[in-house]
Amino acid sequence: KHGTTPEISASHHQCLVFDKGMFDTGKPDDEEGASEFCSSGKRKMVFLTKEFDEPQLLYIQAGKPPTRMLSHYYGYMYFSDVAVGNYYKRLVRDLLHYRP
């Protein structure tokens, strides 16, 4: 596959979970932490798996309902490894900027 658009809907319905165990073996390392994070608003957990990693381009729709993300990304993305989460949060904070 060269590119894919995952089935991820608006941030108040689902949360995206980055968990090394789930990615490598299909069993989450920190399911309890992810469940607690996603339980606010009773959101469905969507784990990042190898299926997400295969294509060269991962396009996440965010412009039109029901995929519009009207909240901060860190409110619906959970990293089971705190150091990895901090790295990517700083990366987004420092390098990605919205331009209308």
PDB file of N, CA and C in Angstrom:
ATOM      1  N   LYS A   1       0.838  -1.194   0.000  1.00  0.00           N
ATOM      2  CA  LYS A   1       0.000   0.000   0.000  1.00  0.00           C
ATOM      3  C   LYS A   1       0.876   1.248   0.000  1.00  0.00           C
ATOM      4  N   HIS A   2       0.455   2.222  -0.766  1.00  0.00           N
ATOM      5  CA  HIS A   2       1.185   3.485  -0.783  1.00  0.00           C
ATOM      6  C   HIS A   2       0.597   4.488   0.194  1.00  0.00           C
ATOM      7  N   GLY A   3      -0.708   4.393   0.424  1.00  0.00           N
ATOM      8  CA  GLY A   3      -1.343   5.319   1.339  1.00  0.00           C
ATOM      9  C   GLY A   3      -2.657   4.763   1.838  1.00  0.00           C
ATOM     10  N   THR A   4      -3.108   5.261   2.974  1.00  0.00           N
ATOM     11  CA  THR A   4      -4.380   4.817   3.535  1.00  0.00           C
ATOM     12  C   THR A   4      -4.985   5.926   4.392  1.00  0.00           C
ATOM     13  N   THR A   5      -6.284   5.850   4.556  1.00  0.00           N
ATOM     14  CA  THR A   5      -7.005   6.744   5.447  1.00  0.00           C
ATOM     15  C   THR A   5      -7.676   5.871   6.501  1.00  0.00           C
ATOM     16  N   PRO A   6      -7.192   5.898   7.744  1.00  0.00           N
ATOM     17  CA  PRO A   6      -7.778   5.036   8.773  1.00  0.00           C
ATOM     18  C   PRO A   6      -9.175   5.485   9.167  1.00  0.00           C
ATOM     19  N   GLU A   7      -9.928   4.551   9.710  1.00  0.00           N
ATOM     20  CA  GLU A   7     -11.289   4.818  10.171  1.00  0.00           C
ATOM     21  C   GLU A   7     -11.230   5.453  11.560  1.00  0.00           C
ATOM     22  N   ILE A   8     -10.928   6.733  11.609  1.00  0.00           N
ATOM     23  CA  ILE A   8     -10.881   7.464  12.872  1.00  0.00           C
ATOM     24  C   ILE A   8     -11.879   8.604  12.760  1.00  0.00           C
ATOM     25  N   SER A   9     -12.782   8.679  13.719  1.00  0.00           N
ATOM     26  CA  SER A   9     -13.795   9.733  13.673  1.00  0.00           C
ATOM     27  C   SER A   9     -13.450  10.844  14.655  1.00  0.00           C
ATOM     28  N   ALA A  10     -14.407  11.710  14.893  1.00  0.00           N
ATOM     29  CA  ALA A  10     -14.173  12.889  15.734  1.00  0.00           C
ATOM     30  C   ALA A  10     -13.592  12.512  17.086  1.00  0.00           C
ATOM     31  N   SER A  11     -12.802  13.406  17.628  1.00  0.00           N
ATOM     32  CA  SER A  11     -12.034  13.132  18.842  1.00  0.00           C
ATOM     33  C   SER A  11     -12.892  12.808  20.062  1.00  0.00           C
ATOM     34  N   HIS A  12     -14.129  13.241  20.098  1.00  0.00           N
ATOM     35  CA  HIS A  12     -14.950  12.954  21.270  1.00  0.00           C
ATOM     36  C   HIS A  12     -15.580  11.564  21.212  1.00  0.00           C
ATOM     37  N   HIS A  13     -15.328  10.803  20.130  1.00  0.00           N
ATOM     38  CA  HIS A  13     -15.862   9.447  20.011  1.00  0.00           C
ATOM     39  C   HIS A  13     -14.777   8.388  20.193  1.00  0.00           C
ATOM     40  N   GLN A  14     -13.561   8.702  19.838  1.00  0.00           N
ATOM     41  CA  GLN A  14     -12.467   7.738  19.884  1.00  0.00           C
ATOM     42  C   GLN A  14     -11.203   8.384  20.416  1.00  0.00           C
ATOM     43  N   CYS A  15     -10.289   7.547  20.884  1.00  0.00           N
ATOM     44  CA  CYS A  15      -8.958   8.056  21.222  1.00  0.00           C
ATOM     45  C   CYS A  15      -7.927   7.103  20.607  1.00  0.00           C
ATOM     46  N   LEU A  16      -6.850   7.666  20.130  1.00  0.00           N
ATOM     47  CA  LEU A  16      -5.794   6.922  19.450  1.00  0.00           C
ATOM     48  C   LEU A  16      -4.727   6.565  20.469  1.00  0.00           C
ATOM     49  N   VAL A  17      -4.421   5.257  20.587  1.00  0.00           N
ATOM     50  CA  VAL A  17      -3.502   4.763  21.602  1.00  0.00           C
ATOM     51  C   VAL A  17      -2.228   4.247  20.943  1.00  0.00           C
ATOM     52  N   PHE A  18      -1.095   4.808  21.350  1.00  0.00           N
ATOM     53  CA  PHE A  18       0.216   4.367  20.879  1.00  0.00           C
ATOM     54  C   PHE A  18       0.817   3.497  21.977  1.00  0.00           C
ATOM     55  N   ASP A  19       0.854   2.189  21.733  1.00  0.00           N
ATOM     56  CA  ASP A  19       1.324   1.239  22.732  1.00  0.00           C
ATOM     57  C   ASP A  19       2.254   0.240  22.047  1.00  0.00           C
ATOM     58  N   LYS A  20       3.516   0.170  22.487  1.00  0.00           N
ATOM     59  CA  LYS A  20       4.516  -0.686  21.851  1.00  0.00           C
ATOM     60  C   LYS A  20       4.123  -2.154  21.866  1.00  0.00           C
ATOM     61  N   GLY A  21       3.586  -2.624  22.987  1.00  0.00           N
ATOM     62  CA  GLY A  21       3.175  -4.019  23.079  1.00  0.00           C
ATOM     63  C   GLY A  21       2.107  -4.371  22.058  1.00  0.00           C
ATOM     64  N   MET A  22       1.111  -3.519  21.913  1.00  0.00           N
ATOM     65  CA  MET A  22       0.038  -3.763  20.951  1.00  0.00           C
ATOM     66  C   MET A  22       0.580  -3.742  19.537  1.00  0.00           C
ATOM     67  N   PHE A  23       1.521  -2.838  19.264  1.00  0.00           N
ATOM     68  CA  PHE A  23       2.104  -2.747  17.931  1.00  0.00           C
ATOM     69  C   PHE A  23       2.929  -3.995  17.611  1.00  0.00           C
ATOM     70  N   ASP A  24       3.755  -4.429  18.566  1.00  0.00           N
ATOM     71  CA  ASP A  24       4.665  -5.557  18.324  1.00  0.00           C
ATOM     72  C   ASP A  24       3.994  -6.923  18.415  1.00  0.00           C
ATOM     73  N   THR A  25       3.152  -7.123  19.435  1.00  0.00           N
ATOM     74  CA  THR A  25       2.633  -8.465  19.705  1.00  0.00           C
ATOM     75  C   THR A  25       1.114  -8.588  19.635  1.00  0.00           C
ATOM     76  N   GLY A  26       0.418  -7.468  19.575  1.00  0.00           N
ATOM     77  CA  GLY A  26      -1.040  -7.516  19.586  1.00  0.00           C
ATOM     78  C   GLY A  26      -1.635  -7.529  20.986  1.00  0.00           C
ATOM     79  N   LYS A  27      -0.772  -7.425  22.024  1.00  0.00           N
ATOM     80  CA  LYS A  27      -1.229  -7.354  23.415  1.00  0.00           C
ATOM     81  C   LYS A  27      -0.710  -6.051  24.015  1.00  0.00           C
ATOM     82  N   PRO A  28      -1.602  -5.191  24.505  1.00  0.00           N
ATOM     83  CA  PRO A  28      -1.151  -3.892  25.032  1.00  0.00           C
ATOM     84  C   PRO A  28      -0.319  -4.011  26.294  1.00  0.00           C
ATOM     85  N   ASP A  29       0.684  -3.136  26.424  1.00  0.00           N
ATOM     86  CA  ASP A  29       1.507  -3.061  27.626  1.00  0.00           C
ATOM     87  C   ASP A  29       0.767  -2.353  28.755  1.00  0.00           C
ATOM     88  N   ASP A  30      -0.022  -1.349  28.399  1.00  0.00           N
ATOM     89  CA  ASP A  30      -0.678  -0.521  29.413  1.00  0.00           C
ATOM     90  C   ASP A  30      -2.148  -0.317  29.066  1.00  0.00           C
ATOM     91  N   GLU A  31      -2.893  -1.399  29.026  1.00  0.00           N
ATOM     92  CA  GLU A  31      -4.312  -1.299  28.681  1.00  0.00           C
ATOM     93  C   GLU A  31      -5.092  -0.538  29.755  1.00  0.00           C
ATOM     94  N   GLU A  32      -4.692  -0.694  31.011  1.00  0.00           N
ATOM     95  CA  GLU A  32      -5.379  -0.008  32.104  1.00  0.00           C
ATOM     96  C   GLU A  32      -5.227   1.511  31.980  1.00  0.00           C
ATOM     97  N   GLY A  33      -3.997   1.981  31.705  1.00  0.00           N
ATOM     98  CA  GLY A  33      -3.768   3.418  31.541  1.00  0.00           C
ATOM     99  C   GLY A  33      -4.509   3.977  30.345  1.00  0.00           C
ATOM    100  N   ALA A  34      -4.496   3.232  29.241  1.00  0.00           N
ATOM    101  CA  ALA A  34      -5.200   3.667  28.037  1.00  0.00           C
ATOM    102  C   ALA A  34      -6.703   3.708  28.282  1.00  0.00           C
ATOM    103  N   SER A  35      -7.202   2.699  28.964  1.00  0.00           N
ATOM    104  CA  SER A  35      -8.630   2.644  29.267  1.00  0.00           C
ATOM    105  C   SER A  35      -9.048   3.814  30.150  1.00  0.00           C
ATOM    106  N   GLU A  36      -8.220   4.133  31.131  1.00  0.00           N
ATOM    107  CA  GLU A  36      -8.518   5.263  32.018  1.00  0.00           C
ATOM    108  C   GLU A  36      -8.509   6.578  31.244  1.00  0.00           C
ATOM    109  N   PHE A  37      -7.517   6.753  30.362  1.00  0.00           N
ATOM    110  CA  PHE A  37      -7.414   7.969  29.561  1.00  0.00           C
ATOM    111  C   PHE A  37      -8.626   8.108  28.633  1.00  0.00           C
ATOM    112  N   CYS A  38      -9.021   7.011  28.011  1.00  0.00           N
ATOM    113  CA  CYS A  38     -10.105   7.040  27.035  1.00  0.00           C
ATOM    114  C   CYS A  38     -11.488   7.026  27.673  1.00  0.00           C
ATOM    115  N   SER A  39     -11.566   6.716  28.952  1.00  0.00           N
ATOM    116  CA  SER A  39     -12.871   6.599  29.595  1.00  0.00           C
ATOM    117  C   SER A  39     -13.566   7.937  29.771  1.00  0.00           C
ATOM    118  N   SER A  40     -12.818   9.039  29.733  1.00  0.00           N
ATOM    119  CA  SER A  40     -13.467  10.346  29.834  1.00  0.00           C
ATOM    120  C   SER A  40     -14.320  10.536  28.586  1.00  0.00           C
ATOM    121  N   GLY A  41     -15.611  10.569  28.770  1.00  0.00           N
ATOM    122  CA  GLY A  41     -16.510  10.662  27.631  1.00  0.00           C
ATOM    123  C   GLY A  41     -16.817   9.310  27.022  1.00  0.00           C
ATOM    124  N   LYS A  42     -16.322   8.229  27.625  1.00  0.00           N
ATOM    125  CA  LYS A  42     -16.572   6.861  27.167  1.00  0.00           C
ATOM    126  C   LYS A  42     -16.172   6.674  25.699  1.00  0.00           C
ATOM    127  N   ARG A  43     -14.948   7.066  25.388  1.00  0.00           N
ATOM    128  CA  ARG A  43     -14.458   6.956  24.018  1.00  0.00           C
ATOM    129  C   ARG A  43     -13.947   5.551  23.719  1.00  0.00           C
ATOM    130  N   LYS A  44     -14.014   5.172  22.472  1.00  0.00           N
ATOM    131  CA  LYS A  44     -13.523   3.871  22.014  1.00  0.00           C
ATOM    132  C   LYS A  44     -12.013   3.974  21.785  1.00  0.00           C
ATOM    133  N   MET A  45     -11.267   2.978  22.264  1.00  0.00           N
ATOM    134  CA  MET A  45      -9.818   2.956  22.058  1.00  0.00           C
ATOM    135  C   MET A  45      -9.507   2.435  20.659  1.00  0.00           C
ATOM    136  N   VAL A  46      -8.658   3.173  19.932  1.00  0.00           N
ATOM    137  CA  VAL A  46      -8.159   2.734  18.630  1.00  0.00           C
ATOM    138  C   VAL A  46      -6.650   2.611  18.779  1.00  0.00           C
ATOM    139  N   PHE A  47      -6.147   1.376  18.750  1.00  0.00           N
ATOM    140  CA  PHE A  47      -4.720   1.144  18.930  1.00  0.00           C
ATOM    141  C   PHE A  47      -3.987   1.295  17.605  1.00  0.00           C
ATOM    142  N   LEU A  48      -2.824   1.939  17.647  1.00  0.00           N
ATOM    143  CA  LEU A  48      -1.951   2.021  16.480  1.00  0.00           C
ATOM    144  C   LEU A  48      -1.341   0.630  16.285  1.00  0.00           C
ATOM    145  N   THR A  49      -1.563   0.038  15.130  1.00  0.00           N
ATOM    146  CA  THR A  49      -1.074  -1.311  14.846  1.00  0.00           C
ATOM    147  C   THR A  49      -0.177  -1.284  13.617  1.00  0.00           C
ATOM    148  N   LYS A  50       0.358  -2.422  13.249  1.00  0.00           N
ATOM    149  CA  LYS A  50       1.230  -2.504  12.071  1.00  0.00           C
ATOM    150  C   LYS A  50       0.483  -2.130  10.803  1.00  0.00           C
ATOM    151  N   GLU A  51      -0.831  -2.287  10.808  1.00  0.00           N
ATOM    152  CA  GLU A  51      -1.647  -1.895   9.656  1.00  0.00           C
ATOM    153  C   GLU A  51      -1.494  -0.394   9.365  1.00  0.00           C
ATOM    154  N   PHE A  52      -1.356   0.408  10.421  1.00  0.00           N
ATOM    155  CA  PHE A  52      -1.156   1.848  10.256  1.00  0.00           C
ATOM    156  C   PHE A  52       0.241   2.149   9.725  1.00  0.00           C
ATOM    157  N   ASP A  53       1.201   1.281  10.014  1.00  0.00           N
ATOM    158  CA  ASP A  53       2.607   1.528   9.700  1.00  0.00           C
ATOM    159  C   ASP A  53       3.003   1.109   8.287  1.00  0.00           C
ATOM    160  N   GLU A  54       2.227   0.233   7.651  1.00  0.00           N
ATOM    161  CA  GLU A  54       2.592  -0.300   6.344  1.00  0.00           C
ATOM    162  C   GLU A  54       2.618   0.732   5.227  1.00  0.00           C
ATOM    163  N   PRO A  55       1.599   1.566   5.086  1.00  0.00           N
ATOM    164  CA  PRO A  55       1.624   2.518   3.965  1.00  0.00           C
ATOM    165  C   PRO A  55       2.656   3.626   4.166  1.00  0.00           C
ATOM    166  N   GLN A  56       3.118   4.167   3.052  1.00  0.00           N
ATOM    167  CA  GLN A  56       4.077   5.269   3.118  1.00  0.00           C
ATOM    168  C   GLN A  56       3.405   6.561   3.551  1.00  0.00           C
ATOM    169  N   LEU A  57       2.120   6.687   3.299  1.00  0.00           N
ATOM    170  CA  LEU A  57       1.377   7.898   3.632  1.00  0.00           C
ATOM    171  C   LEU A  57       0.169   7.527   4.477  1.00  0.00           C
ATOM    172  N   LEU A  58       0.031   8.163   5.615  1.00  0.00           N
ATOM    173  CA  LEU A  58      -1.123   7.968   6.486  1.00  0.00           C
ATOM    174  C   LEU A  58      -1.863   9.292   6.538  1.00  0.00           C
ATOM    175  N   TYR A  59      -3.045   9.318   5.953  1.00  0.00           N
ATOM    176  CA  TYR A  59      -3.825  10.546   5.885  1.00  0.00           C
ATOM    177  C   TYR A  59      -4.962  10.466   6.899  1.00  0.00           C
ATOM    178  N   ILE A  60      -4.963  11.355   7.851  1.00  0.00           N
ATOM    179  CA  ILE A  60      -6.033  11.411   8.842  1.00  0.00           C
ATOM    180  C   ILE A  60      -6.907  12.607   8.504  1.00  0.00           C
ATOM    181  N   GLN A  61      -8.137  12.325   8.096  1.00  0.00           N
ATOM    182  CA  GLN A  61      -9.069  13.394   7.741  1.00  0.00           C
ATOM    183  C   GLN A  61      -9.406  14.204   8.978  1.00  0.00           C
ATOM    184  N   ALA A  62      -9.424  15.501   8.838  1.00  0.00           N
ATOM    185  CA  ALA A  62      -9.727  16.335  10.001  1.00  0.00           C
ATOM    186  C   ALA A  62     -10.476  17.601   9.618  1.00  0.00           C
ATOM    187  N   GLY A  63     -10.970  17.684   8.403  1.00  0.00           N
ATOM    188  CA  GLY A  63     -11.550  18.927   7.959  1.00  0.00           C
ATOM    189  C   GLY A  63     -13.063  19.031   7.998  1.00  0.00           C
ATOM    190  N   LYS A  64     -13.757  17.894   7.914  1.00  0.00           N
ATOM    191  CA  LYS A  64     -15.218  17.935   7.838  1.00  0.00           C
ATOM    192  C   LYS A  64     -15.826  16.998   8.870  1.00  0.00           C
ATOM    193  N   PRO A  65     -17.014  17.349   9.371  1.00  0.00           N
ATOM    194  CA  PRO A  65     -17.679  16.428  10.297  1.00  0.00           C
ATOM    195  C   PRO A  65     -17.912  15.108   9.576  1.00  0.00           C
ATOM    196  N   PRO A  66     -17.851  13.940  10.185  1.00  0.00           N
ATOM    197  CA  PRO A  66     -17.632  13.707  11.603  1.00  0.00           C
ATOM    198  C   PRO A  66     -16.164  13.530  11.975  1.00  0.00           C
ATOM    199  N   THR A  67     -15.245  13.846  11.068  1.00  0.00           N
ATOM    200  CA  THR A  67     -13.829  13.633  11.371  1.00  0.00           C
ATOM    201  C   THR A  67     -13.130  14.877  11.895  1.00  0.00           C
ATOM    202  N   ARG A  68     -13.808  16.003  11.936  1.00  0.00           N
ATOM    203  CA  ARG A  68     -13.182  17.247  12.378  1.00  0.00           C
ATOM    204  C   ARG A  68     -12.699  17.119  13.818  1.00  0.00           C
ATOM    205  N   MET A  69     -11.479  17.502  14.049  1.00  0.00           N
ATOM    206  CA  MET A  69     -10.898  17.417  15.387  1.00  0.00           C
ATOM    207  C   MET A  69     -10.936  18.805  16.016  1.00  0.00           C
ATOM    208  N   LEU A  70     -11.901  19.012  16.891  1.00  0.00           N
ATOM    209  CA  LEU A  70     -12.137  20.325  17.472  1.00  0.00           C
ATOM    210  C   LEU A  70     -11.506  20.495  18.843  1.00  0.00           C
ATOM    211  N   SER A  71     -10.589  19.619  19.162  1.00  0.00           N
ATOM    212  CA  SER A  71      -9.921  19.731  20.455  1.00  0.00           C
ATOM    213  C   SER A  71      -8.422  19.571  20.244  1.00  0.00           C
ATOM    214  N   HIS A  72      -7.658  19.777  21.291  1.00  0.00           N
ATOM    215  CA  HIS A  72      -6.215  19.628  21.203  1.00  0.00           C
ATOM    216  C   HIS A  72      -5.856  18.160  20.991  1.00  0.00           C
ATOM    217  N   TYR A  73      -4.862  17.917  20.160  1.00  0.00           N
ATOM    218  CA  TYR A  73      -4.482  16.544  19.806  1.00  0.00           C
ATOM    219  C   TYR A  73      -4.125  15.711  21.036  1.00  0.00           C
ATOM    220  N   TYR A  74      -3.513  16.327  22.044  1.00  0.00           N
ATOM    221  CA  TYR A  74      -3.087  15.572  23.217  1.00  0.00           C
ATOM    222  C   TYR A  74      -4.266  15.150  24.096  1.00  0.00           C
ATOM    223  N   GLY A  75      -5.447  15.593  23.767  1.00  0.00           N
ATOM    224  CA  GLY A  75      -6.638  15.171  24.489  1.00  0.00           C
ATOM    225  C   GLY A  75      -7.225  13.877  23.962  1.00  0.00           C
ATOM    226  N   TYR A  76      -6.791  13.433  22.794  1.00  0.00           N
ATOM    227  CA  TYR A  76      -7.297  12.180  22.251  1.00  0.00           C
ATOM    228  C   TYR A  76      -6.194  11.233  21.783  1.00  0.00           C
ATOM    229  N   MET A  77      -4.934  11.537  22.090  1.00  0.00           N
ATOM    230  CA  MET A  77      -3.823  10.640  21.760  1.00  0.00           C
ATOM    231  C   MET A  77      -3.140  10.218  23.055  1.00  0.00           C
ATOM    232  N   TYR A  78      -3.056   8.908  23.274  1.00  0.00           N
ATOM    233  CA  TYR A  78      -2.439   8.380  24.487  1.00  0.00           C
ATOM    234  C   TYR A  78      -1.180   7.600  24.123  1.00  0.00           C
ATOM    235  N   PHE A  79      -0.081   7.912  24.792  1.00  0.00           N
ATOM    236  CA  PHE A  79       1.182   7.198  24.616  1.00  0.00           C
ATOM    237  C   PHE A  79       1.451   6.418  25.892  1.00  0.00           C
ATOM    238  N   SER A  80       1.567   5.084  25.789  1.00  0.00           N
ATOM    239  CA  SER A  80       1.814   4.285  26.988  1.00  0.00           C
ATOM    240  C   SER A  80       3.220   4.515  27.531  1.00  0.00           C
ATOM    241  N   ASP A  81       4.154   4.922  26.672  1.00  0.00           N
ATOM    242  CA  ASP A  81       5.514   5.270  27.100  1.00  0.00           C
ATOM    243  C   ASP A  81       5.585   6.789  27.243  1.00  0.00           C
ATOM    244  N   VAL A  82       5.721   7.260  28.460  1.00  0.00           N
ATOM    245  CA  VAL A  82       5.698   8.700  28.750  1.00  0.00           C
ATOM    246  C   VAL A  82       6.789   9.451  27.990  1.00  0.00           C
ATOM    247  N   ALA A  83       7.986   8.885  27.905  1.00  0.00           N
ATOM    248  CA  ALA A  83       9.092   9.554  27.212  1.00  0.00           C
ATOM    249  C   ALA A  83       8.773   9.742  25.732  1.00  0.00           C
ATOM    250  N   VAL A  84       8.193   8.751  25.101  1.00  0.00           N
ATOM    251  CA  VAL A  84       7.807   8.856  23.689  1.00  0.00           C
ATOM    252  C   VAL A  84       6.712   9.903  23.540  1.00  0.00           C
ATOM    253  N   GLY A  85       5.733   9.886  24.441  1.00  0.00           N
ATOM    254  CA  GLY A  85       4.661  10.873  24.397  1.00  0.00           C
ATOM    255  C   GLY A  85       5.175  12.294  24.525  1.00  0.00           C
ATOM    256  N   ASN A  86       6.093  12.509  25.461  1.00  0.00           N
ATOM    257  CA  ASN A  86       6.669  13.846  25.633  1.00  0.00           C
ATOM    258  C   ASN A  86       7.434  14.287  24.395  1.00  0.00           C
ATOM    259  N   TYR A  87       8.169  13.366  23.783  1.00  0.00           N
ATOM    260  CA  TYR A  87       8.938  13.689  22.577  1.00  0.00           C
ATOM    261  C   TYR A  87       8.004  14.183  21.470  1.00  0.00           C
ATOM    262  N   TYR A  88       6.944  13.420  21.202  1.00  0.00           N
ATOM    263  CA  TYR A  88       6.045  13.799  20.107  1.00  0.00           C
ATOM    264  C   TYR A  88       5.216  15.026  20.433  1.00  0.00           C
ATOM    265  N   LYS A  89       4.868  15.230  21.673  1.00  0.00           N
ATOM    266  CA  LYS A  89       4.148  16.452  22.047  1.00  0.00           C
ATOM    267  C   LYS A  89       5.030  17.678  21.834  1.00  0.00           C
ATOM    268  N   ARG A  90       6.318  17.569  22.185  1.00  0.00           N
ATOM    269  CA  ARG A  90       7.249  18.681  21.938  1.00  0.00           C
ATOM    270  C   ARG A  90       7.467  18.898  20.445  1.00  0.00           C
ATOM    271  N   LEU A  91       7.560  17.804  19.690  1.00  0.00           N
ATOM    272  CA  LEU A  91       7.743  17.901  18.242  1.00  0.00           C
ATOM    273  C   LEU A  91       6.593  18.676  17.612  1.00  0.00           C
ATOM    274  N   VAL A  92       5.379  18.314  17.952  1.00  0.00           N
ATOM    275  CA  VAL A  92       4.212  19.005  17.410  1.00  0.00           C
ATOM    276  C   VAL A  92       4.187  20.456  17.872  1.00  0.00           C
ATOM    277  N   ARG A  93       4.431  20.690  19.154  1.00  0.00           N
ATOM    278  CA  ARG A  93       4.425  22.050  19.700  1.00  0.00           C
ATOM    279  C   ARG A  93       5.438  22.943  18.994  1.00  0.00           C
ATOM    280  N   ASP A  94       6.638  22.414  18.742  1.00  0.00           N
ATOM    281  CA  ASP A  94       7.719  23.238  18.212  1.00  0.00           C
ATOM    282  C   ASP A  94       7.740  23.353  16.684  1.00  0.00           C
ATOM    283  N   LEU A  95       7.238  22.338  15.965  1.00  0.00           N
ATOM    284  CA  LEU A  95       7.434  22.328  14.518  1.00  0.00           C
ATOM    285  C   LEU A  95       6.192  22.411  13.664  1.00  0.00           C
ATOM    286  N   LEU A  96       5.040  22.060  14.199  1.00  0.00           N
ATOM    287  CA  LEU A  96       3.815  22.103  13.387  1.00  0.00           C
ATOM    288  C   LEU A  96       2.999  23.325  13.737  1.00  0.00           C
ATOM    289  N   HIS A  97       2.627  24.060  12.718  1.00  0.00           N
ATOM    290  CA  HIS A  97       1.847  25.280  12.917  1.00  0.00           C
ATOM    291  C   HIS A  97       0.712  25.347  11.928  1.00  0.00           C
ATOM    292  N   TYR A  98      -0.443  25.805  12.390  1.00  0.00           N
ATOM    293  CA  TYR A  98      -1.616  25.955  11.549  1.00  0.00           C
ATOM    294  C   TYR A  98      -1.522  27.251  10.763  1.00  0.00           C
ATOM    295  N   ARG A  99      -1.777  27.155   9.477  1.00  0.00           N
ATOM    296  CA  ARG A  99      -1.845  28.346   8.628  1.00  0.00           C
ATOM    297  C   ARG A  99      -3.144  28.342   7.870  1.00  0.00           C
ATOM    298  N   PRO A 100      -3.993  29.337   8.090  1.00  0.00           N
ATOM    299  CA  PRO A 100      -5.290  29.381   7.369  1.00  0.00           C
ATOM    300  C   PRO A 100      -5.116  29.683   5.900  1.00  0.00           C
TER     301      PRO A 100
END
